[in-house]
Amino acid sequence: MIPDRYTQEKFAHAHRQQLHREAEIERMLGESPEQSSHPMRHMVGKLRSFLIAVGTRLKQLEQPRKQIAVD
């Protein structure tokens, strides 16, 4: 039995939606982890450098105080 035009269009529309969903899932799975986490790695690297610089500066500021206390 051949479905009427309305039913065919309804099935075609549902099939296209399913194909779009599958394509989106494939696209998301196809992204490599390096690409998706690259901005986060970059930000963590910048934060790490900043914290090291702050720690180094604090140590430099702390050294003269210790020398004065010893003298």
C-alpha atoms as a PDB file:
ATOM      1  CA  MET A   1       0.000   0.000   0.000  1.00  0.00           C
ATOM      2  CA  ILE A   2       1.329   3.432  -0.955  1.00  0.00           C
ATOM      3  CA  PRO A   3       0.877   6.123   1.729  1.00  0.00           C
ATOM      4  CA  ASP A   4      -0.836   9.358   0.782  1.00  0.00           C
ATOM      5  CA  ARG A   5       1.161  12.536   0.048  1.00  0.00           C
ATOM      6  CA  TYR A   6       0.684  13.986   3.547  1.00  0.00           C
ATOM      7  CA  THR A   7       2.005  10.820   5.202  1.00  0.00           C
ATOM      8  CA  GLN A   8       4.964  10.674   2.800  1.00  0.00           C
ATOM      9  CA  GLU A   9       5.885  14.291   3.584  1.00  0.00           C
ATOM     10  CA  LYS A  10       5.535  13.635   7.299  1.00  0.00           C
ATOM     11  CA  PHE A  11       7.871  10.607   7.075  1.00  0.00           C
ATOM     12  CA  ALA A  12      10.336  12.561   4.910  1.00  0.00           C
ATOM     13  CA  HIS A  13      10.377  15.436   7.398  1.00  0.00           C
ATOM     14  CA  ALA A  14      10.946  13.080  10.337  1.00  0.00           C
ATOM     15  CA  HIS A  15      13.721  11.336   8.406  1.00  0.00           C
ATOM     16  CA  ARG A  16      15.474  14.663   7.647  1.00  0.00           C
ATOM     17  CA  GLN A  17      15.297  15.652  11.310  1.00  0.00           C
ATOM     18  CA  GLN A  18      16.839  12.326  12.313  1.00  0.00           C
ATOM     19  CA  LEU A  19      19.625  12.789   9.748  1.00  0.00           C
ATOM     20  CA  HIS A  20      20.323  16.283  11.116  1.00  0.00           C
ATOM     21  CA  ARG A  21      20.515  14.946  14.677  1.00  0.00           C
ATOM     22  CA  GLU A  22      22.885  12.166  13.608  1.00  0.00           C
ATOM     23  CA  ALA A  23      25.045  14.616  11.664  1.00  0.00           C
ATOM     24  CA  GLU A  24      25.285  16.897  14.706  1.00  0.00           C
ATOM     25  CA  ILE A  25      26.301  13.980  16.925  1.00  0.00           C
ATOM     26  CA  GLU A  26      28.938  12.896  14.401  1.00  0.00           C
ATOM     27  CA  ARG A  27      30.259  16.461  14.209  1.00  0.00           C
ATOM     28  CA  MET A  28      30.538  16.691  17.988  1.00  0.00           C
ATOM     29  CA  LEU A  29      32.246  13.302  18.238  1.00  0.00           C
ATOM     30  CA  GLY A  30      34.594  14.203  15.403  1.00  0.00           C
ATOM     31  CA  GLU A  31      36.041  17.201  17.212  1.00  0.00           C
ATOM     32  CA  SER A  32      39.434  16.314  18.559  1.00  0.00           C
ATOM     33  CA  PRO A  33      40.048  16.858  22.279  1.00  0.00           C
ATOM     34  CA  GLU A  34      42.983  19.149  21.519  1.00  0.00           C
ATOM     35  CA  GLN A  35      40.770  21.532  19.589  1.00  0.00           C
ATOM     36  CA  SER A  36      38.029  21.674  22.169  1.00  0.00           C
ATOM     37  CA  SER A  37      40.339  22.041  25.178  1.00  0.00           C
ATOM     38  CA  HIS A  38      42.945  24.294  23.535  1.00  0.00           C
ATOM     39  CA  PRO A  39      41.486  27.548  24.906  1.00  0.00           C
ATOM     40  CA  MET A  40      41.309  26.013  28.395  1.00  0.00           C
ATOM     41  CA  ARG A  41      44.920  24.808  28.210  1.00  0.00           C
ATOM     42  CA  HIS A  42      46.002  28.247  27.043  1.00  0.00           C
ATOM     43  CA  MET A  43      44.158  29.913  29.923  1.00  0.00           C
ATOM     44  CA  VAL A  44      45.600  27.483  32.472  1.00  0.00           C
ATOM     45  CA  GLY A  45      49.094  28.123  31.111  1.00  0.00           C
ATOM     46  CA  LYS A  46      48.631  31.882  31.420  1.00  0.00           C
ATOM     47  CA  LEU A  47      47.285  31.522  34.966  1.00  0.00           C
ATOM     48  CA  ARG A  48      50.200  29.276  35.923  1.00  0.00           C
ATOM     49  CA  SER A  49      52.725  31.802  34.585  1.00  0.00           C
ATOM     50  CA  PHE A  50      50.969  34.605  36.455  1.00  0.00           C
ATOM     51  CA  LEU A  51      50.953  32.702  39.743  1.00  0.00           C
ATOM     52  CA  ILE A  52      54.647  31.811  39.392  1.00  0.00           C
ATOM     53  CA  ALA A  53      55.475  35.472  38.744  1.00  0.00           C
ATOM     54  CA  VAL A  54      53.444  36.574  41.779  1.00  0.00           C
ATOM     55  CA  GLY A  55      55.113  33.934  43.977  1.00  0.00           C
ATOM     56  CA  THR A  56      58.567  34.966  42.801  1.00  0.00           C
ATOM     57  CA  ARG A  57      57.794  38.629  43.478  1.00  0.00           C
ATOM     58  CA  LEU A  58      56.481  37.852  46.958  1.00  0.00           C
ATOM     59  CA  LYS A  59      59.656  35.902  47.762  1.00  0.00           C
ATOM     60  CA  GLN A  60      61.758  38.859  46.617  1.00  0.00           C
ATOM     61  CA  LEU A  61      59.762  41.233  48.819  1.00  0.00           C
ATOM     62  CA  GLU A  62      60.077  38.858  51.764  1.00  0.00           C
ATOM     63  CA  GLN A  63      63.878  38.492  51.593  1.00  0.00           C
ATOM     64  CA  PRO A  64      64.819  42.030  52.715  1.00  0.00           C
ATOM     65  CA  ARG A  65      62.519  41.741  55.745  1.00  0.00           C
ATOM     66  CA  LYS A  66      64.285  38.582  56.854  1.00  0.00           C
ATOM     67  CA  GLN A  67      67.692  40.226  56.435  1.00  0.00           C
ATOM     68  CA  ILE A  68      66.626  43.241  58.518  1.00  0.00           C
ATOM     69  CA  ALA A  69      65.270  40.974  61.252  1.00  0.00           C
ATOM     70  CA  VAL A  70      68.548  39.025  61.342  1.00  0.00           C
ATOM     71  CA  ASP A  71      70.743  42.159  61.527  1.00  0.00           C
END
